[in-house]
Amino acid sequence: MDEYTLPQEALDSLDEIDRSLHQMLMLAELSASDGDMNRANLQTVLEYLQRKIDRAADRLDEL
């Protein structure tokens, strides 16, 4: 294996983190808009995405 090649498991975890961060950014932009948003629900989803990121980061630590 090339010294710059990451295992597929690491790439999958980084992909999951990237997708979750992108979703969090979209939710933050929605929250900042003038629309009538249920901020409590948005916060719940943000916390769920944070837990997904934490789990993916834990998998990276185990590699």
PDB file of N, CA and C in Angstrom:
ATOM      1  N   MET A   1       0.845  -1.176   0.000  1.00  0.00           N
ATOM      2  CA  MET A   1       0.000   0.000   0.000  1.00  0.00           C
ATOM      3  C   MET A   1       0.899   1.251   0.000  1.00  0.00           C
ATOM      4  N   ASP A   2       0.563   2.185  -0.834  1.00  0.00           N
ATOM      5  CA  ASP A   2       1.268   3.457  -0.938  1.00  0.00           C
ATOM      6  C   ASP A   2       1.135   4.218   0.385  1.00  0.00           C
ATOM      7  N   GLU A   3       2.181   4.949   0.772  1.00  0.00           N
ATOM      8  CA  GLU A   3       2.139   5.644   2.065  1.00  0.00           C
ATOM      9  C   GLU A   3       1.070   6.735   2.118  1.00  0.00           C
ATOM     10  N   TYR A   4       0.554   7.171   0.966  1.00  0.00           N
ATOM     11  CA  TYR A   4      -0.463   8.218   0.937  1.00  0.00           C
ATOM     12  C   TYR A   4      -1.867   7.660   0.721  1.00  0.00           C
ATOM     13  N   THR A   5      -2.006   6.366   0.652  1.00  0.00           N
ATOM     14  CA  THR A   5      -3.299   5.735   0.441  1.00  0.00           C
ATOM     15  C   THR A   5      -3.946   5.423   1.786  1.00  0.00           C
ATOM     16  N   LEU A   6      -5.172   5.874   1.924  1.00  0.00           N
ATOM     17  CA  LEU A   6      -5.923   5.590   3.143  1.00  0.00           C
ATOM     18  C   LEU A   6      -6.751   4.327   2.950  1.00  0.00           C
ATOM     19  N   PRO A   7      -6.928   3.555   4.006  1.00  0.00           N
ATOM     20  CA  PRO A   7      -7.802   2.382   3.901  1.00  0.00           C
ATOM     21  C   PRO A   7      -9.233   2.818   3.559  1.00  0.00           C
ATOM     22  N   GLN A   8      -9.966   1.942   2.904  1.00  0.00           N
ATOM     23  CA  GLN A   8     -11.339   2.263   2.505  1.00  0.00           C
ATOM     24  C   GLN A   8     -12.198   2.650   3.701  1.00  0.00           C
ATOM     25  N   GLU A   9     -11.977   2.008   4.842  1.00  0.00           N
ATOM     26  CA  GLU A   9     -12.769   2.335   6.036  1.00  0.00           C
ATOM     27  C   GLU A   9     -12.555   3.793   6.448  1.00  0.00           C
ATOM     28  N   ALA A  10     -11.322   4.277   6.322  1.00  0.00           N
ATOM     29  CA  ALA A  10     -11.030   5.670   6.665  1.00  0.00           C
ATOM     30  C   ALA A  10     -11.708   6.610   5.676  1.00  0.00           C
ATOM     31  N   LEU A  11     -11.645   6.266   4.405  1.00  0.00           N
ATOM     32  CA  LEU A  11     -12.292   7.097   3.383  1.00  0.00           C
ATOM     33  C   LEU A  11     -13.798   7.145   3.603  1.00  0.00           C
ATOM     34  N   ASP A  12     -14.393   6.012   3.956  1.00  0.00           N
ATOM     35  CA  ASP A  12     -15.837   5.975   4.222  1.00  0.00           C
ATOM     36  C   ASP A  12     -16.196   6.852   5.415  1.00  0.00           C
ATOM     37  N   SER A  13     -15.396   6.790   6.463  1.00  0.00           N
ATOM     38  CA  SER A  13     -15.661   7.614   7.646  1.00  0.00           C
ATOM     39  C   SER A  13     -15.504   9.098   7.328  1.00  0.00           C
ATOM     40  N   LEU A  14     -14.479   9.442   6.578  1.00  0.00           N
ATOM     41  CA  LEU A  14     -14.279  10.848   6.193  1.00  0.00           C
ATOM     42  C   LEU A  14     -15.416  11.330   5.299  1.00  0.00           C
ATOM     43  N   ASP A  15     -15.899  10.462   4.426  1.00  0.00           N
ATOM     44  CA  ASP A  15     -17.049  10.793   3.576  1.00  0.00           C
ATOM     45  C   ASP A  15     -18.288  11.066   4.413  1.00  0.00           C
ATOM     46  N   GLU A  16     -18.519  10.228   5.414  1.00  0.00           N
ATOM     47  CA  GLU A  16     -19.676  10.404   6.282  1.00  0.00           C
ATOM     48  C   GLU A  16     -19.577  11.721   7.055  1.00  0.00           C
ATOM     49  N   ILE A  17     -18.389  12.046   7.533  1.00  0.00           N
ATOM     50  CA  ILE A  17     -18.179  13.324   8.237  1.00  0.00           C
ATOM     51  C   ILE A  17     -18.447  14.489   7.296  1.00  0.00           C
ATOM     52  N   ASP A  18     -17.943  14.397   6.068  1.00  0.00           N
ATOM     53  CA  ASP A  18     -18.137  15.465   5.082  1.00  0.00           C
ATOM     54  C   ASP A  18     -19.621  15.676   4.787  1.00  0.00           C
ATOM     55  N   ARG A  19     -20.358  14.581   4.572  1.00  0.00           N
ATOM     56  CA  ARG A  19     -21.795  14.695   4.293  1.00  0.00           C
ATOM     57  C   ARG A  19     -22.540  15.304   5.480  1.00  0.00           C
ATOM     58  N   SER A  20     -22.191  14.878   6.683  1.00  0.00           N
ATOM     59  CA  SER A  20     -22.864  15.404   7.876  1.00  0.00           C
ATOM     60  C   SER A  20     -22.576  16.891   8.056  1.00  0.00           C
ATOM     61  N   LEU A  21     -21.339  17.287   7.830  1.00  0.00           N
ATOM     62  CA  LEU A  21     -20.997  18.709   7.943  1.00  0.00           C
ATOM     63  C   LEU A  21     -21.739  19.534   6.898  1.00  0.00           C
ATOM     64  N   HIS A  22     -21.869  18.997   5.697  1.00  0.00           N
ATOM     65  CA  HIS A  22     -22.604  19.699   4.646  1.00  0.00           C
ATOM     66  C   HIS A  22     -24.074  19.859   5.048  1.00  0.00           C
ATOM     67  N   GLN A  23     -24.663  18.802   5.604  1.00  0.00           N
ATOM     68  CA  GLN A  23     -26.044  18.885   6.068  1.00  0.00           C
ATOM     69  C   GLN A  23     -26.183  19.903   7.191  1.00  0.00           C
ATOM     70  N   MET A  24     -25.209  19.938   8.088  1.00  0.00           N
ATOM     71  CA  MET A  24     -25.246  20.901   9.193  1.00  0.00           C
ATOM     72  C   MET A  24     -25.177  22.330   8.672  1.00  0.00           C
ATOM     73  N   LEU A  25     -24.354  22.552   7.658  1.00  0.00           N
ATOM     74  CA  LEU A  25     -24.249  23.883   7.058  1.00  0.00           C
ATOM     75  C   LEU A  25     -25.586  24.297   6.448  1.00  0.00           C
ATOM     76  N   MET A  26     -26.221  23.387   5.731  1.00  0.00           N
ATOM     77  CA  MET A  26     -27.516  23.696   5.126  1.00  0.00           C
ATOM     78  C   MET A  26     -28.555  24.019   6.198  1.00  0.00           C
ATOM     79  N   LEU A  27     -28.549  23.261   7.285  1.00  0.00           N
ATOM     80  CA  LEU A  27     -29.495  23.533   8.369  1.00  0.00           C
ATOM     81  C   LEU A  27     -29.207  24.871   9.040  1.00  0.00           C
ATOM     82  N   ALA A  28     -27.943  25.195   9.206  1.00  0.00           N
ATOM     83  CA  ALA A  28     -27.590  26.488   9.806  1.00  0.00           C
ATOM     84  C   ALA A  28     -28.052  27.634   8.913  1.00  0.00           C
ATOM     85  N   GLU A  29     -27.905  27.467   7.603  1.00  0.00           N
ATOM     86  CA  GLU A  29     -28.369  28.503   6.675  1.00  0.00           C
ATOM     87  C   GLU A  29     -29.894  28.639   6.733  1.00  0.00           C
ATOM     88  N   LEU A  30     -30.600  27.510   6.825  1.00  0.00           N
ATOM     89  CA  LEU A  30     -32.055  27.565   6.977  1.00  0.00           C
ATOM     90  C   LEU A  30     -32.446  28.278   8.260  1.00  0.00           C
ATOM     91  N   SER A  31     -31.746  27.964   9.327  1.00  0.00           N
ATOM     92  CA  SER A  31     -32.045  28.563  10.618  1.00  0.00           C
ATOM     93  C   SER A  31     -31.823  30.072  10.596  1.00  0.00           C
ATOM     94  N   ALA A  32     -30.837  30.508   9.845  1.00  0.00           N
ATOM     95  CA  ALA A  32     -30.520  31.934   9.776  1.00  0.00           C
ATOM     96  C   ALA A  32     -31.444  32.692   8.830  1.00  0.00           C
ATOM     97  N   SER A  33     -32.213  31.971   8.036  1.00  0.00           N
ATOM     98  CA  SER A  33     -33.113  32.627   7.083  1.00  0.00           C
ATOM     99  C   SER A  33     -34.302  33.236   7.808  1.00  0.00           C
ATOM    100  N   ASP A  34     -35.062  34.007   7.065  1.00  0.00           N
ATOM    101  CA  ASP A  34     -36.231  34.676   7.636  1.00  0.00           C
ATOM    102  C   ASP A  34     -37.442  33.764   7.737  1.00  0.00           C
ATOM    103  N   GLY A  35     -37.330  32.537   7.253  1.00  0.00           N
ATOM    104  CA  GLY A  35     -38.467  31.620   7.244  1.00  0.00           C
ATOM    105  C   GLY A  35     -38.909  31.227   8.638  1.00  0.00           C
ATOM    106  N   ASP A  36     -40.104  30.707   8.699  1.00  0.00           N
ATOM    107  CA  ASP A  36     -40.672  30.253   9.969  1.00  0.00           C
ATOM    108  C   ASP A  36     -40.191  28.828  10.219  1.00  0.00           C
ATOM    109  N   MET A  37     -39.073  28.687  10.910  1.00  0.00           N
ATOM    110  CA  MET A  37     -38.458  27.385  11.141  1.00  0.00           C
ATOM    111  C   MET A  37     -38.664  26.969  12.596  1.00  0.00           C
ATOM    112  N   ASN A  38     -38.851  25.690  12.787  1.00  0.00           N
ATOM    113  CA  ASN A  38     -38.920  25.150  14.137  1.00  0.00           C
ATOM    114  C   ASN A  38     -37.483  24.918  14.605  1.00  0.00           C
ATOM    115  N   ARG A  39     -36.948  25.870  15.319  1.00  0.00           N
ATOM    116  CA  ARG A  39     -35.545  25.818  15.719  1.00  0.00           C
ATOM    117  C   ARG A  39     -35.244  24.650  16.663  1.00  0.00           C
ATOM    118  N   ALA A  40     -36.210  24.249  17.445  1.00  0.00           N
ATOM    119  CA  ALA A  40     -36.003  23.105  18.341  1.00  0.00           C
ATOM    120  C   ALA A  40     -35.784  21.831  17.523  1.00  0.00           C
ATOM    121  N   ASN A  41     -36.563  21.659  16.458  1.00  0.00           N
ATOM    122  CA  ASN A  41     -36.368  20.498  15.597  1.00  0.00           C
ATOM    123  C   ASN A  41     -35.028  20.568  14.882  1.00  0.00           C
ATOM    124  N   LEU A  42     -34.663  21.752  14.421  1.00  0.00           N
ATOM    125  CA  LEU A  42     -33.358  21.913  13.768  1.00  0.00           C
ATOM    126  C   LEU A  42     -32.235  21.551  14.734  1.00  0.00           C
ATOM    127  N   GLN A  43     -32.360  21.979  15.969  1.00  0.00           N
ATOM    128  CA  GLN A  43     -31.336  21.672  16.975  1.00  0.00           C
ATOM    129  C   GLN A  43     -31.238  20.165  17.205  1.00  0.00           C
ATOM    130  N   THR A  44     -32.378  19.497  17.220  1.00  0.00           N
ATOM    131  CA  THR A  44     -32.394  18.038  17.398  1.00  0.00           C
ATOM    132  C   THR A  44     -31.646  17.355  16.263  1.00  0.00           C
ATOM    133  N   VAL A  45     -31.888  17.814  15.041  1.00  0.00           N
ATOM    134  CA  VAL A  45     -31.215  17.226  13.879  1.00  0.00           C
ATOM    135  C   VAL A  45     -29.719  17.529  13.931  1.00  0.00           C
ATOM    136  N   LEU A  46     -29.358  18.741  14.312  1.00  0.00           N
ATOM    137  CA  LEU A  46     -27.935  19.090  14.427  1.00  0.00           C
ATOM    138  C   LEU A  46     -27.238  18.205  15.457  1.00  0.00           C
ATOM    139  N   GLU A  47     -27.891  17.943  16.567  1.00  0.00           N
ATOM    140  CA  GLU A  47     -27.305  17.080  17.592  1.00  0.00           C
ATOM    141  C   GLU A  47     -27.147  15.646  17.078  1.00  0.00           C
ATOM    142  N   TYR A  48     -28.129  15.177  16.308  1.00  0.00           N
ATOM    143  CA  TYR A  48     -28.032  13.841  15.699  1.00  0.00           C
ATOM    144  C   TYR A  48     -26.836  13.773  14.751  1.00  0.00           C
ATOM    145  N   LEU A  49     -26.683  14.804  13.920  1.00  0.00           N
ATOM    146  CA  LEU A  49     -25.559  14.826  12.977  1.00  0.00           C
ATOM    147  C   LEU A  49     -24.227  14.897  13.716  1.00  0.00           C
ATOM    148  N   GLN A  50     -24.186  15.622  14.819  1.00  0.00           N
ATOM    149  CA  GLN A  50     -22.957  15.687  15.619  1.00  0.00           C
ATOM    150  C   GLN A  50     -22.591  14.307  16.162  1.00  0.00           C
ATOM    151  N   ARG A  51     -23.588  13.565  16.605  1.00  0.00           N
ATOM    152  CA  ARG A  51     -23.320  12.204  17.098  1.00  0.00           C
ATOM    153  C   ARG A  51     -22.810  11.302  15.970  1.00  0.00           C
ATOM    154  N   LYS A  52     -23.357  11.482  14.760  1.00  0.00           N
ATOM    155  CA  LYS A  52     -22.873  10.710  13.609  1.00  0.00           C
ATOM    156  C   LYS A  52     -21.400  11.029  13.338  1.00  0.00           C
ATOM    157  N   ILE A  53     -21.046  12.303  13.423  1.00  0.00           N
ATOM    158  CA  ILE A  53     -19.657  12.725  13.211  1.00  0.00           C
ATOM    159  C   ILE A  53     -18.770  12.118  14.288  1.00  0.00           C
ATOM    160  N   ASP A  54     -19.219  12.160  15.529  1.00  0.00           N
ATOM    161  CA  ASP A  54     -18.438  11.597  16.636  1.00  0.00           C
ATOM    162  C   ASP A  54     -18.184  10.105  16.430  1.00  0.00           C
ATOM    163  N   ARG A  55     -19.224   9.376  15.997  1.00  0.00           N
ATOM    164  CA  ARG A  55     -19.059   7.935  15.760  1.00  0.00           C
ATOM    165  C   ARG A  55     -18.081   7.674  14.614  1.00  0.00           C
ATOM    166  N   ALA A  56     -18.186   8.456  13.546  1.00  0.00           N
ATOM    167  CA  ALA A  56     -17.269   8.288  12.417  1.00  0.00           C
ATOM    168  C   ALA A  56     -15.840   8.609  12.834  1.00  0.00           C
ATOM    169  N   ALA A  57     -15.668   9.638  13.657  1.00  0.00           N
ATOM    170  CA  ALA A  57     -14.323   9.993  14.138  1.00  0.00           C
ATOM    171  C   ALA A  57     -13.765   8.895  15.053  1.00  0.00           C
ATOM    172  N   ASP A  58     -14.636   8.299  15.850  1.00  0.00           N
ATOM    173  CA  ASP A  58     -14.197   7.191  16.698  1.00  0.00           C
ATOM    174  C   ASP A  58     -13.710   6.018  15.849  1.00  0.00           C
ATOM    175  N   ARG A  59     -14.418   5.755  14.747  1.00  0.00           N
ATOM    176  CA  ARG A  59     -13.969   4.678  13.845  1.00  0.00           C
ATOM    177  C   ARG A  59     -12.592   4.994  13.266  1.00  0.00           C
ATOM    178  N   LEU A  60     -12.346   6.267  12.971  1.00  0.00           N
ATOM    179  CA  LEU A  60     -11.035   6.660  12.455  1.00  0.00           C
ATOM    180  C   LEU A  60      -9.954   6.431  13.496  1.00  0.00           C
ATOM    181  N   ASP A  61     -10.273   6.718  14.751  1.00  0.00           N
ATOM    182  CA  ASP A  61      -9.300   6.504  15.836  1.00  0.00           C
ATOM    183  C   ASP A  61      -8.920   5.036  15.985  1.00  0.00           C
ATOM    184  N   GLU A  62      -9.871   4.164  15.649  1.00  0.00           N
ATOM    185  CA  GLU A  62      -9.637   2.725  15.815  1.00  0.00           C
ATOM    186  C   GLU A  62      -8.770   2.137  14.695  1.00  0.00           C
ATOM    187  N   LEU A  63      -8.585   2.884  13.616  1.00  0.00           N
ATOM    188  CA  LEU A  63      -7.789   2.364  12.477  1.00  0.00           C
ATOM    189  C   LEU A  63      -6.307   2.432  12.754  1.00  0.00           C
TER     190      LEU A  63
END
